[in-house]
Amino acid sequence: MQCARLPGAAFAKVLKDTITGDFPVVSCRKQTFIVSDNRIPARSSDRSQYLFAALAPGSLVTVTAELRFRRNFQAEMDVRGWDEADIVMAEKTISFLASWEIYLRVIER
């Protein structure tokens, strides 16, 4: 179960320096290997389901989902002192009355 204010999924291409073995690599000038790449391809979509617990049936629940572009991993940005804001690529907010189970399609492109 995902909790409020926590990320639901992360998509990234992770590069590894061929000489030092360090990863993730920040500099685009280094020779690298691709360690993993689970980015959403252009004109494609990704779906996931999340279950939220409501305090009481009938209470008003508001859910906001965002698709954000982040230039680098947050831990790496913190180490380097970079303060680049995320770019919100898509956003959807819905409100509904809570029931025992609700399945949400929050963002669909």
PDB file of N, CA and C in Angstrom:
ATOM      1  N   MET A   1       0.846  -1.180   0.000  1.00  0.00           N
ATOM      2  CA  MET A   1       0.000   0.000   0.000  1.00  0.00           C
ATOM      3  C   MET A   1       0.889   1.239   0.000  1.00  0.00           C
ATOM      4  N   GLN A   2       0.574   2.182  -0.853  1.00  0.00           N
ATOM      5  CA  GLN A   2       1.294   3.446  -0.891  1.00  0.00           C
ATOM      6  C   GLN A   2       0.644   4.420   0.087  1.00  0.00           C
ATOM      7  N   CYS A   3       1.455   5.223   0.729  1.00  0.00           N
ATOM      8  CA  CYS A   3       0.948   6.206   1.682  1.00  0.00           C
ATOM      9  C   CYS A   3       1.022   7.596   1.076  1.00  0.00           C
ATOM     10  N   ALA A   4       0.249   8.490   1.631  1.00  0.00           N
ATOM     11  CA  ALA A   4       0.202   9.861   1.128  1.00  0.00           C
ATOM     12  C   ALA A   4       1.582  10.499   1.127  1.00  0.00           C
ATOM     13  N   ARG A   5       1.842  11.279   0.099  1.00  0.00           N
ATOM     14  CA  ARG A   5       3.074  12.055  -0.075  1.00  0.00           C
ATOM     15  C   ARG A   5       4.308  11.200  -0.376  1.00  0.00           C
ATOM     16  N   LEU A   6       4.135   9.946  -0.696  1.00  0.00           N
ATOM     17  CA  LEU A   6       5.254   9.096  -1.077  1.00  0.00           C
ATOM     18  C   LEU A   6       5.186   8.806  -2.568  1.00  0.00           C
ATOM     19  N   PRO A   7       6.349   8.596  -3.206  1.00  0.00           N
ATOM     20  CA  PRO A   7       6.334   8.311  -4.639  1.00  0.00           C
ATOM     21  C   PRO A   7       5.718   6.955  -4.933  1.00  0.00           C
ATOM     22  N   GLY A   8       5.024   6.870  -6.035  1.00  0.00           N
ATOM     23  CA  GLY A   8       4.411   5.611  -6.433  1.00  0.00           C
ATOM     24  C   GLY A   8       5.312   4.776  -7.306  1.00  0.00           C
ATOM     25  N   ALA A   9       6.027   5.389  -8.226  1.00  0.00           N
ATOM     26  CA  ALA A   9       6.917   4.663  -9.135  1.00  0.00           C
ATOM     27  C   ALA A   9       8.001   5.616  -9.605  1.00  0.00           C
ATOM     28  N   ALA A  10       9.149   5.063  -9.935  1.00  0.00           N
ATOM     29  CA  ALA A  10      10.253   5.866 -10.458  1.00  0.00           C
ATOM     30  C   ALA A  10      10.724   5.243 -11.765  1.00  0.00           C
ATOM     31  N   PHE A  11      11.025   6.099 -12.732  1.00  0.00           N
ATOM     32  CA  PHE A  11      11.490   5.655 -14.034  1.00  0.00           C
ATOM     33  C   PHE A  11      12.795   6.380 -14.331  1.00  0.00           C
ATOM     34  N   ALA A  12      13.827   5.625 -14.741  1.00  0.00           N
ATOM     35  CA  ALA A  12      15.130   6.253 -14.965  1.00  0.00           C
ATOM     36  C   ALA A  12      16.022   5.399 -15.854  1.00  0.00           C
ATOM     37  N   LYS A  13      16.960   6.069 -16.508  1.00  0.00           N
ATOM     38  CA  LYS A  13      18.060   5.383 -17.170  1.00  0.00           C
ATOM     39  C   LYS A  13      19.266   5.585 -16.269  1.00  0.00           C
ATOM     40  N   VAL A  14      19.834   4.485 -15.774  1.00  0.00           N
ATOM     41  CA  VAL A  14      20.956   4.546 -14.842  1.00  0.00           C
ATOM     42  C   VAL A  14      22.225   4.159 -15.597  1.00  0.00           C
ATOM     43  N   LEU A  15      23.221   5.053 -15.546  1.00  0.00           N
ATOM     44  CA  LEU A  15      24.477   4.836 -16.247  1.00  0.00           C
ATOM     45  C   LEU A  15      25.609   4.546 -15.263  1.00  0.00           C
ATOM     46  N   LYS A  16      26.566   3.717 -15.709  1.00  0.00           N
ATOM     47  CA  LYS A  16      27.717   3.329 -14.892  1.00  0.00           C
ATOM     48  C   LYS A  16      28.996   3.729 -15.621  1.00  0.00           C
ATOM     49  N   ASP A  17      29.922   4.369 -14.914  1.00  0.00           N
ATOM     50  CA  ASP A  17      31.202   4.783 -15.481  1.00  0.00           C
ATOM     51  C   ASP A  17      32.015   3.544 -15.846  1.00  0.00           C
ATOM     52  N   THR A  18      32.500   3.464 -17.095  1.00  0.00           N
ATOM     53  CA  THR A  18      33.231   2.269 -17.545  1.00  0.00           C
ATOM     54  C   THR A  18      34.596   2.132 -16.892  1.00  0.00           C
ATOM     55  N   ILE A  19      35.196   3.219 -16.443  1.00  0.00           N
ATOM     56  CA  ILE A  19      36.533   3.163 -15.855  1.00  0.00           C
ATOM     57  C   ILE A  19      36.480   2.956 -14.344  1.00  0.00           C
ATOM     58  N   THR A  20      35.697   3.781 -13.643  1.00  0.00           N
ATOM     59  CA  THR A  20      35.674   3.712 -12.176  1.00  0.00           C
ATOM     60  C   THR A  20      34.636   2.740 -11.636  1.00  0.00           C
ATOM     61  N   GLY A  21      33.614   2.436 -12.435  1.00  0.00           N
ATOM     62  CA  GLY A  21      32.527   1.586 -11.961  1.00  0.00           C
ATOM     63  C   GLY A  21      31.493   2.329 -11.143  1.00  0.00           C
ATOM     64  N   ASP A  22      31.685   3.645 -10.979  1.00  0.00           N
ATOM     65  CA  ASP A  22      30.734   4.454 -10.212  1.00  0.00           C
ATOM     66  C   ASP A  22      29.399   4.539 -10.939  1.00  0.00           C
ATOM     67  N   PHE A  23      28.322   4.539 -10.160  1.00  0.00           N
ATOM     68  CA  PHE A  23      26.994   4.809 -10.710  1.00  0.00           C
ATOM     69  C   PHE A  23      26.101   5.286  -9.599  1.00  0.00           C
ATOM     70  N   PRO A  24      25.103   6.115  -9.873  1.00  0.00           N
ATOM     71  CA  PRO A  24      24.792   6.664 -11.193  1.00  0.00           C
ATOM     72  C   PRO A  24      25.811   7.724 -11.596  1.00  0.00           C
ATOM     73  N   VAL A  25      26.065   7.825 -12.896  1.00  0.00           N
ATOM     74  CA  VAL A  25      27.006   8.791 -13.444  1.00  0.00           C
ATOM     75  C   VAL A  25      26.261  10.079 -13.747  1.00  0.00           C
ATOM     76  N   VAL A  26      26.846  11.204 -13.353  1.00  0.00           N
ATOM     77  CA  VAL A  26      26.205  12.499 -13.566  1.00  0.00           C
ATOM     78  C   VAL A  26      26.700  13.147 -14.847  1.00  0.00           C
ATOM     79  N   SER A  27      27.997  13.099 -15.106  1.00  0.00           N
ATOM     80  CA  SER A  27      28.580  13.781 -16.260  1.00  0.00           C
ATOM     81  C   SER A  27      28.242  13.055 -17.558  1.00  0.00           C
ATOM     82  N   CYS A  28      27.772  13.804 -18.530  1.00  0.00           N
ATOM     83  CA  CYS A  28      27.455  13.206 -19.832  1.00  0.00           C
ATOM     84  C   CYS A  28      28.708  13.047 -20.688  1.00  0.00           C
ATOM     85  N   ARG A  29      29.874  13.507 -20.205  1.00  0.00           N
ATOM     86  CA  ARG A  29      31.113  13.410 -20.973  1.00  0.00           C
ATOM     87  C   ARG A  29      31.859  12.100 -20.715  1.00  0.00           C
ATOM     88  N   LYS A  30      31.396  11.292 -19.765  1.00  0.00           N
ATOM     89  CA  LYS A  30      32.070  10.033 -19.444  1.00  0.00           C
ATOM     90  C   LYS A  30      31.553   8.903 -20.305  1.00  0.00           C
ATOM     91  N   GLN A  31      32.443   7.940 -20.590  1.00  0.00           N
ATOM     92  CA  GLN A  31      32.013   6.734 -21.280  1.00  0.00           C
ATOM     93  C   GLN A  31      31.268   5.868 -20.264  1.00  0.00           C
ATOM     94  N   THR A  32      30.109   5.362 -20.660  1.00  0.00           N
ATOM     95  CA  THR A  32      29.256   4.655 -19.702  1.00  0.00           C
ATOM     96  C   THR A  32      28.651   3.393 -20.289  1.00  0.00           C
ATOM     97  N   PHE A  33      28.180   2.554 -19.370  1.00  0.00           N
ATOM     98  CA  PHE A  33      27.327   1.412 -19.693  1.00  0.00           C
ATOM     99  C   PHE A  33      25.953   1.703 -19.121  1.00  0.00           C
ATOM    100  N   ILE A  34      24.915   1.162 -19.745  1.00  0.00           N
ATOM    101  CA  ILE A  34      23.567   1.293 -19.190  1.00  0.00           C
ATOM    102  C   ILE A  34      23.366   0.174 -18.173  1.00  0.00           C
ATOM    103  N   VAL A  35      23.133   0.547 -16.919  1.00  0.00           N
ATOM    104  CA  VAL A  35      22.869  -0.422 -15.849  1.00  0.00           C
ATOM    105  C   VAL A  35      21.413  -0.858 -15.915  1.00  0.00           C
ATOM    106  N   SER A  36      20.519   0.113 -16.064  1.00  0.00           N
ATOM    107  CA  SER A  36      19.094  -0.180 -16.200  1.00  0.00           C
ATOM    108  C   SER A  36      18.408   0.990 -16.905  1.00  0.00           C
ATOM    109  N   ASP A  37      17.281   0.690 -17.530  1.00  0.00           N
ATOM    110  CA  ASP A  37      16.506   1.726 -18.215  1.00  0.00           C
ATOM    111  C   ASP A  37      15.037   1.314 -18.223  1.00  0.00           C
ATOM    112  N   ASN A  38      14.267   1.869 -17.310  1.00  0.00           N
ATOM    113  CA  ASN A  38      12.842   1.551 -17.236  1.00  0.00           C
ATOM    114  C   ASN A  38      11.981   2.780 -17.531  1.00  0.00           C
ATOM    115  N   ARG A  39      12.542   3.731 -18.311  1.00  0.00           N
ATOM    116  CA  ARG A  39      11.766   4.927 -18.665  1.00  0.00           C
ATOM    117  C   ARG A  39      10.566   4.547 -19.525  1.00  0.00           C
ATOM    118  N   ILE A  40       9.531   5.377 -19.471  1.00  0.00           N
ATOM    119  CA  ILE A  40       8.342   5.167 -20.301  1.00  0.00           C
ATOM    120  C   ILE A  40       8.679   5.670 -21.707  1.00  0.00           C
ATOM    121  N   PRO A  41       8.611   4.821 -22.720  1.00  0.00           N
ATOM    122  CA  PRO A  41       8.925   5.264 -24.085  1.00  0.00           C
ATOM    123  C   PRO A  41       7.945   6.346 -24.565  1.00  0.00           C
ATOM    124  N   ALA A  42       8.399   7.120 -25.535  1.00  0.00           N
ATOM    125  CA  ALA A  42       7.556   8.169 -26.111  1.00  0.00           C
ATOM    126  C   ALA A  42       6.255   7.567 -26.640  1.00  0.00           C
ATOM    127  N   ARG A  43       5.163   8.272 -26.420  1.00  0.00           N
ATOM    128  CA  ARG A  43       3.818   7.879 -26.853  1.00  0.00           C
ATOM    129  C   ARG A  43       3.343   6.567 -26.219  1.00  0.00           C
ATOM    130  N   SER A  44       3.933   6.212 -25.091  1.00  0.00           N
ATOM    131  CA  SER A  44       3.508   5.024 -24.352  1.00  0.00           C
ATOM    132  C   SER A  44       2.913   5.459 -23.022  1.00  0.00           C
ATOM    133  N   SER A  45       2.451   4.506 -22.254  1.00  0.00           N
ATOM    134  CA  SER A  45       1.869   4.828 -20.953  1.00  0.00           C
ATOM    135  C   SER A  45       2.270   3.769 -19.933  1.00  0.00           C
ATOM    136  N   ASP A  46       2.003   4.081 -18.709  1.00  0.00           N
ATOM    137  CA  ASP A  46       2.248   3.147 -17.612  1.00  0.00           C
ATOM    138  C   ASP A  46       1.040   3.221 -16.688  1.00  0.00           C
ATOM    139  N   ARG A  47       0.613   2.087 -16.208  1.00  0.00           N
ATOM    140  CA  ARG A  47      -0.518   2.050 -15.273  1.00  0.00           C
ATOM    141  C   ARG A  47      -0.092   1.373 -13.985  1.00  0.00           C
ATOM    142  N   SER A  48      -0.609   1.875 -12.890  1.00  0.00           N
ATOM    143  CA  SER A  48      -0.390   1.239 -11.590  1.00  0.00           C
ATOM    144  C   SER A  48      -1.612   1.507 -10.726  1.00  0.00           C
ATOM    145  N   GLN A  49      -1.799   0.659  -9.741  1.00  0.00           N
ATOM    146  CA  GLN A  49      -2.946   0.800  -8.849  1.00  0.00           C
ATOM    147  C   GLN A  49      -2.447   1.033  -7.427  1.00  0.00           C
ATOM    148  N   TYR A  50      -3.186   1.856  -6.697  1.00  0.00           N
ATOM    149  CA  TYR A  50      -2.839   2.186  -5.319  1.00  0.00           C
ATOM    150  C   TYR A  50      -4.080   2.087  -4.455  1.00  0.00           C
ATOM    151  N   LEU A  51      -3.906   1.599  -3.283  1.00  0.00           N
ATOM    152  CA  LEU A  51      -4.989   1.450  -2.328  1.00  0.00           C
ATOM    153  C   LEU A  51      -4.762   2.447  -1.203  1.00  0.00           C
ATOM    154  N   PHE A  52      -5.781   3.255  -0.922  1.00  0.00           N
ATOM    155  CA  PHE A  52      -5.698   4.256   0.126  1.00  0.00           C
ATOM    156  C   PHE A  52      -6.706   3.910   1.216  1.00  0.00           C
ATOM    157  N   ALA A  53      -6.297   4.046   2.441  1.00  0.00           N
ATOM    158  CA  ALA A  53      -7.198   3.803   3.566  1.00  0.00           C
ATOM    159  C   ALA A  53      -7.883   5.117   3.957  1.00  0.00           C
ATOM    160  N   ALA A  54      -9.192   5.086   4.066  1.00  0.00           N
ATOM    161  CA  ALA A  54      -9.958   6.263   4.492  1.00  0.00           C
ATOM    162  C   ALA A  54     -10.279   6.140   5.972  1.00  0.00           C
ATOM    163  N   LEU A  55     -10.436   7.271   6.634  1.00  0.00           N
ATOM    164  CA  LEU A  55     -10.761   7.248   8.056  1.00  0.00           C
ATOM    165  C   LEU A  55     -12.166   6.714   8.303  1.00  0.00           C
ATOM    166  N   ALA A  56     -13.099   7.106   7.465  1.00  0.00           N
ATOM    167  CA  ALA A  56     -14.475   6.650   7.648  1.00  0.00           C
ATOM    168  C   ALA A  56     -15.173   6.594   6.292  1.00  0.00           C
ATOM    169  N   PRO A  57     -16.004   5.567   6.064  1.00  0.00           N
ATOM    170  CA  PRO A  57     -16.770   5.523   4.812  1.00  0.00           C
ATOM    171  C   PRO A  57     -17.623   6.778   4.672  1.00  0.00           C
ATOM    172  N   GLY A  58     -17.708   7.299   3.462  1.00  0.00           N
ATOM    173  CA  GLY A  58     -18.493   8.499   3.211  1.00  0.00           C
ATOM    174  C   GLY A  58     -17.706   9.785   3.345  1.00  0.00           C
ATOM    175  N   SER A  59     -16.468   9.729   3.830  1.00  0.00           N
ATOM    176  CA  SER A  59     -15.666  10.951   3.953  1.00  0.00           C
ATOM    177  C   SER A  59     -15.125  11.354   2.580  1.00  0.00           C
ATOM    178  N   LEU A  60     -14.904  12.635   2.388  1.00  0.00           N
ATOM    179  CA  LEU A  60     -14.401  13.151   1.119  1.00  0.00           C
ATOM    180  C   LEU A  60     -12.898  12.896   1.024  1.00  0.00           C
ATOM    181  N   VAL A  61     -12.477  12.280  -0.065  1.00  0.00           N
ATOM    182  CA  VAL A  61     -11.062  11.980  -0.313  1.00  0.00           C
ATOM    183  C   VAL A  61     -10.646  12.711  -1.583  1.00  0.00           C
ATOM    184  N   THR A  62      -9.497  13.369  -1.541  1.00  0.00           N
ATOM    185  CA  THR A  62      -8.937  14.026  -2.720  1.00  0.00           C
ATOM    186  C   THR A  62      -7.570  13.426  -2.994  1.00  0.00           C
ATOM    187  N   VAL A  63      -7.373  12.970  -4.231  1.00  0.00           N
ATOM    188  CA  VAL A  63      -6.110  12.364  -4.644  1.00  0.00           C
ATOM    189  C   VAL A  63      -5.544  13.181  -5.794  1.00  0.00           C
ATOM    190  N   THR A  64      -4.267  13.545  -5.664  1.00  0.00           N
ATOM    191  CA  THR A  64      -3.558  14.230  -6.745  1.00  0.00           C
ATOM    192  C   THR A  64      -2.381  13.373  -7.159  1.00  0.00           C
ATOM    193  N   ALA A  65      -2.282  13.108  -8.454  1.00  0.00           N
ATOM    194  CA  ALA A  65      -1.151  12.349  -8.993  1.00  0.00           C
ATOM    195  C   ALA A  65      -0.381  13.247  -9.952  1.00  0.00           C
ATOM    196  N   GLU A  66       0.943  13.158  -9.895  1.00  0.00           N
ATOM    197  CA  GLU A  66       1.795  13.960 -10.770  1.00  0.00           C
ATOM    198  C   GLU A  66       2.822  13.072 -11.453  1.00  0.00           C
ATOM    199  N   LEU A  67       3.108  13.384 -12.683  1.00  0.00           N
ATOM    200  CA  LEU A  67       4.228  12.788 -13.403  1.00  0.00           C
ATOM    201  C   LEU A  67       5.282  13.872 -13.461  1.00  0.00           C
ATOM    202  N   ARG A  68       6.431  13.622 -12.789  1.00  0.00           N
ATOM    203  CA  ARG A  68       7.472  14.636 -12.683  1.00  0.00           C
ATOM    204  C   ARG A  68       8.732  14.215 -13.416  1.00  0.00           C
ATOM    205  N   PHE A  69       9.400  15.191 -14.010  1.00  0.00           N
ATOM    206  CA  PHE A  69      10.712  14.984 -14.604  1.00  0.00           C
ATOM    207  C   PHE A  69      11.734  15.563 -13.639  1.00  0.00           C
ATOM    208  N   ARG A  70      12.681  14.740 -13.219  1.00  0.00           N
ATOM    209  CA  ARG A  70      13.767  15.187 -12.347  1.00  0.00           C
ATOM    210  C   ARG A  70      15.067  14.946 -13.092  1.00  0.00           C
ATOM    211  N   ARG A  71      15.915  15.937 -13.148  1.00  0.00           N
ATOM    212  CA  ARG A  71      17.133  15.870 -13.933  1.00  0.00           C
ATOM    213  C   ARG A  71      18.157  14.878 -13.406  1.00  0.00           C
ATOM    214  N   ASN A  72      18.096  14.560 -12.133  1.00  0.00           N
ATOM    215  CA  ASN A  72      19.069  13.657 -11.539  1.00  0.00           C
ATOM    216  C   ASN A  72      18.463  13.035 -10.288  1.00  0.00           C
ATOM    217  N   PHE A  73      19.136  12.034  -9.740  1.00  0.00           N
ATOM    218  CA  PHE A  73      18.680  11.421  -8.500  1.00  0.00           C
ATOM    219  C   PHE A  73      18.790  12.427  -7.364  1.00  0.00           C
ATOM    220  N   GLN A  74      17.781  12.466  -6.485  1.00  0.00           N
ATOM    221  CA  GLN A  74      17.735  13.464  -5.418  1.00  0.00           C
ATOM    222  C   GLN A  74      18.961  13.388  -4.519  1.00  0.00           C
ATOM    223  N   ALA A  75      19.423  12.185  -4.176  1.00  0.00           N
ATOM    224  CA  ALA A  75      20.600  12.043  -3.308  1.00  0.00           C
ATOM    225  C   ALA A  75      21.834  12.676  -3.960  1.00  0.00           C
ATOM    226  N   GLU A  76      22.007  12.486  -5.246  1.00  0.00           N
ATOM    227  CA  GLU A  76      23.146  13.074  -5.967  1.00  0.00           C
ATOM    228  C   GLU A  76      23.032  14.590  -6.002  1.00  0.00           C
ATOM    229  N   MET A  77      21.828  15.106  -6.205  1.00  0.00           N
ATOM    230  CA  MET A  77      21.625  16.555  -6.221  1.00  0.00           C
ATOM    231  C   MET A  77      21.943  17.156  -4.851  1.00  0.00           C
ATOM    232  N   ASP A  78      21.562  16.453  -3.778  1.00  0.00           N
ATOM    233  CA  ASP A  78      21.842  16.938  -2.430  1.00  0.00           C
ATOM    234  C   ASP A  78      23.348  17.010  -2.169  1.00  0.00           C
ATOM    235  N   VAL A  79      24.084  15.973  -2.581  1.00  0.00           N
ATOM    236  CA  VAL A  79      25.535  15.933  -2.378  1.00  0.00           C
ATOM    237  C   VAL A  79      26.213  17.087  -3.118  1.00  0.00           C
ATOM    238  N   ARG A  80      25.760  17.369  -4.325  1.00  0.00           N
ATOM    239  CA  ARG A  80      26.389  18.406  -5.150  1.00  0.00           C
ATOM    240  C   ARG A  80      25.854  19.809  -4.858  1.00  0.00           C
ATOM    241  N   GLY A  81      24.817  19.918  -4.022  1.00  0.00           N
ATOM    242  CA  GLY A  81      24.260  21.225  -3.691  1.00  0.00           C
ATOM    243  C   GLY A  81      23.415  21.820  -4.807  1.00  0.00           C
ATOM    244  N   TRP A  82      22.924  20.966  -5.702  1.00  0.00           N
ATOM    245  CA  TRP A  82      22.077  21.438  -6.801  1.00  0.00           C
ATOM    246  C   TRP A  82      20.658  21.637  -6.296  1.00  0.00           C
ATOM    247  N   ASP A  83      20.021  22.734  -6.710  1.00  0.00           N
ATOM    248  CA  ASP A  83      18.663  23.039  -6.287  1.00  0.00           C
ATOM    249  C   ASP A  83      17.777  23.245  -7.517  1.00  0.00           C
ATOM    250  N   GLU A  84      17.666  22.193  -8.337  1.00  0.00           N
ATOM    251  CA  GLU A  84      16.853  22.246  -9.552  1.00  0.00           C
ATOM    252  C   GLU A  84      15.448  21.747  -9.238  1.00  0.00           C
ATOM    253  N   ALA A  85      14.456  22.525  -9.590  1.00  0.00           N
ATOM    254  CA  ALA A  85      13.069  22.118  -9.347  1.00  0.00           C
ATOM    255  C   ALA A  85      12.652  21.031 -10.337  1.00  0.00           C
ATOM    256  N   ASP A  86      11.796  20.119  -9.871  1.00  0.00           N
ATOM    257  CA  ASP A  86      11.214  19.120 -10.762  1.00  0.00           C
ATOM    258  C   ASP A  86      10.294  19.819 -11.759  1.00  0.00           C
ATOM    259  N   ILE A  87      10.132  19.208 -12.929  1.00  0.00           N
ATOM    260  CA  ILE A  87       9.199  19.704 -13.925  1.00  0.00           C
ATOM    261  C   ILE A  87       7.971  18.794 -13.901  1.00  0.00           C
ATOM    262  N   VAL A  88       6.804  19.349 -13.625  1.00  0.00           N
ATOM    263  CA  VAL A  88       5.571  18.569 -13.610  1.00  0.00           C
ATOM    264  C   VAL A  88       5.108  18.401 -15.061  1.00  0.00           C
ATOM    265  N   MET A  89       5.149  17.147 -15.543  1.00  0.00           N
ATOM    266  CA  MET A  89       4.797  16.848 -16.930  1.00  0.00           C
ATOM    267  C   MET A  89       3.283  16.636 -17.095  1.00  0.00           C
ATOM    268  N   ALA A  90       2.651  16.066 -16.074  1.00  0.00           N
ATOM    269  CA  ALA A  90       1.201  15.834 -16.109  1.00  0.00           C
ATOM    270  C   ALA A  90       0.702  15.805 -14.666  1.00  0.00           C
ATOM    271  N   GLU A  91      -0.539  16.219 -14.486  1.00  0.00           N
ATOM    272  CA  GLU A  91      -1.134  16.233 -13.150  1.00  0.00           C
ATOM    273  C   GLU A  91      -2.627  15.972 -13.268  1.00  0.00           C
ATOM    274  N   LYS A  92      -3.153  15.231 -12.316  1.00  0.00           N
ATOM    275  CA  LYS A  92      -4.595  14.951 -12.301  1.00  0.00           C
ATOM    276  C   LYS A  92      -5.038  14.907 -10.841  1.00  0.00           C
ATOM    277  N   THR A  93      -6.136  15.595 -10.532  1.00  0.00           N
ATOM    278  CA  THR A  93      -6.711  15.585  -9.188  1.00  0.00           C
ATOM    279  C   THR A  93      -8.145  15.112  -9.287  1.00  0.00           C
ATOM    280  N   ILE A  94      -8.508  14.186  -8.408  1.00  0.00           N
ATOM    281  CA  ILE A  94      -9.897  13.732  -8.342  1.00  0.00           C
ATOM    282  C   ILE A  94     -10.350  13.727  -6.885  1.00  0.00           C
ATOM    283  N   SER A  95     -11.623  13.955  -6.689  1.00  0.00           N
ATOM    284  CA  SER A  95     -12.234  13.880  -5.359  1.00  0.00           C
ATOM    285  C   SER A  95     -13.414  12.931  -5.426  1.00  0.00           C
ATOM    286  N   PHE A  96     -13.640  12.192  -4.353  1.00  0.00           N
ATOM    287  CA  PHE A  96     -14.731  11.220  -4.318  1.00  0.00           C
ATOM    288  C   PHE A  96     -15.058  10.909  -2.865  1.00  0.00           C
ATOM    289  N   LEU A  97     -16.222  10.315  -2.663  1.00  0.00           N
ATOM    290  CA  LEU A  97     -16.607   9.862  -1.327  1.00  0.00           C
ATOM    291  C   LEU A  97     -16.043   8.474  -1.109  1.00  0.00           C
ATOM    292  N   ALA A  98     -15.405   8.279   0.016  1.00  0.00           N
ATOM    293  CA  ALA A  98     -14.745   7.007   0.312  1.00  0.00           C
ATOM    294  C   ALA A  98     -15.766   5.885   0.486  1.00  0.00           C
ATOM    295  N   SER A  99     -15.428   4.724  -0.029  1.00  0.00           N
ATOM    296  CA  SER A  99     -16.193   3.505   0.217  1.00  0.00           C
ATOM    297  C   SER A  99     -15.180   2.437   0.596  1.00  0.00           C
ATOM    298  N   TRP A 100     -15.622   1.219   0.755  1.00  0.00           N
ATOM    299  CA  TRP A 100     -14.698   0.182   1.223  1.00  0.00           C
ATOM    300  C   TRP A 100     -13.588  -0.102   0.227  1.00  0.00           C
ATOM    301  N   GLU A 101     -13.882  -0.133  -1.062  1.00  0.00           N
ATOM    302  CA  GLU A 101     -12.842  -0.309  -2.077  1.00  0.00           C
ATOM    303  C   GLU A 101     -13.158   0.565  -3.279  1.00  0.00           C
ATOM    304  N   ILE A 102     -12.173   1.309  -3.712  1.00  0.00           N
ATOM    305  CA  ILE A 102     -12.313   2.142  -4.897  1.00  0.00           C
ATOM    306  C   ILE A 102     -11.061   1.937  -5.732  1.00  0.00           C
ATOM    307  N   TYR A 103     -11.257   1.661  -7.010  1.00  0.00           N
ATOM    308  CA  TYR A 103     -10.118   1.503  -7.911  1.00  0.00           C
ATOM    309  C   TYR A 103     -10.020   2.768  -8.756  1.00  0.00           C
ATOM    310  N   LEU A 104      -8.837   3.324  -8.806  1.00  0.00           N
ATOM    311  CA  LEU A 104      -8.658   4.611  -9.447  1.00  0.00           C
ATOM    312  C   LEU A 104      -7.800   4.499 -10.705  1.00  0.00           C
ATOM    313  N   ARG A 105      -8.238   5.125 -11.762  1.00  0.00           N
ATOM    314  CA  ARG A 105      -7.378   5.404 -12.898  1.00  0.00           C
ATOM    315  C   ARG A 105      -7.028   6.869 -12.771  1.00  0.00           C
ATOM    316  N   VAL A 106      -5.873   7.169 -12.238  1.00  0.00           N
ATOM    317  CA  VAL A 106      -5.561   8.546 -11.890  1.00  0.00           C
ATOM    318  C   VAL A 106      -5.011   9.318 -13.071  1.00  0.00           C
ATOM    319  N   ILE A 107      -3.949   8.851 -13.697  1.00  0.00           N
ATOM    320  CA  ILE A 107      -3.422   9.542 -14.871  1.00  0.00           C
ATOM    321  C   ILE A 107      -3.376   8.554 -16.002  1.00  0.00           C
ATOM    322  N   GLU A 108      -3.984   8.934 -17.102  1.00  0.00           N
ATOM    323  CA  GLU A 108      -3.941   8.097 -18.300  1.00  0.00           C
ATOM    324  C   GLU A 108      -3.713   9.019 -19.472  1.00  0.00           C
ATOM    325  N   ARG A 109      -2.757   8.673 -20.304  1.00  0.00           N
ATOM    326  CA  ARG A 109      -2.457   9.502 -21.475  1.00  0.00           C
ATOM    327  C   ARG A 109      -2.808   8.759 -22.711  1.00  0.00           C
TER     328      ARG A 109
END
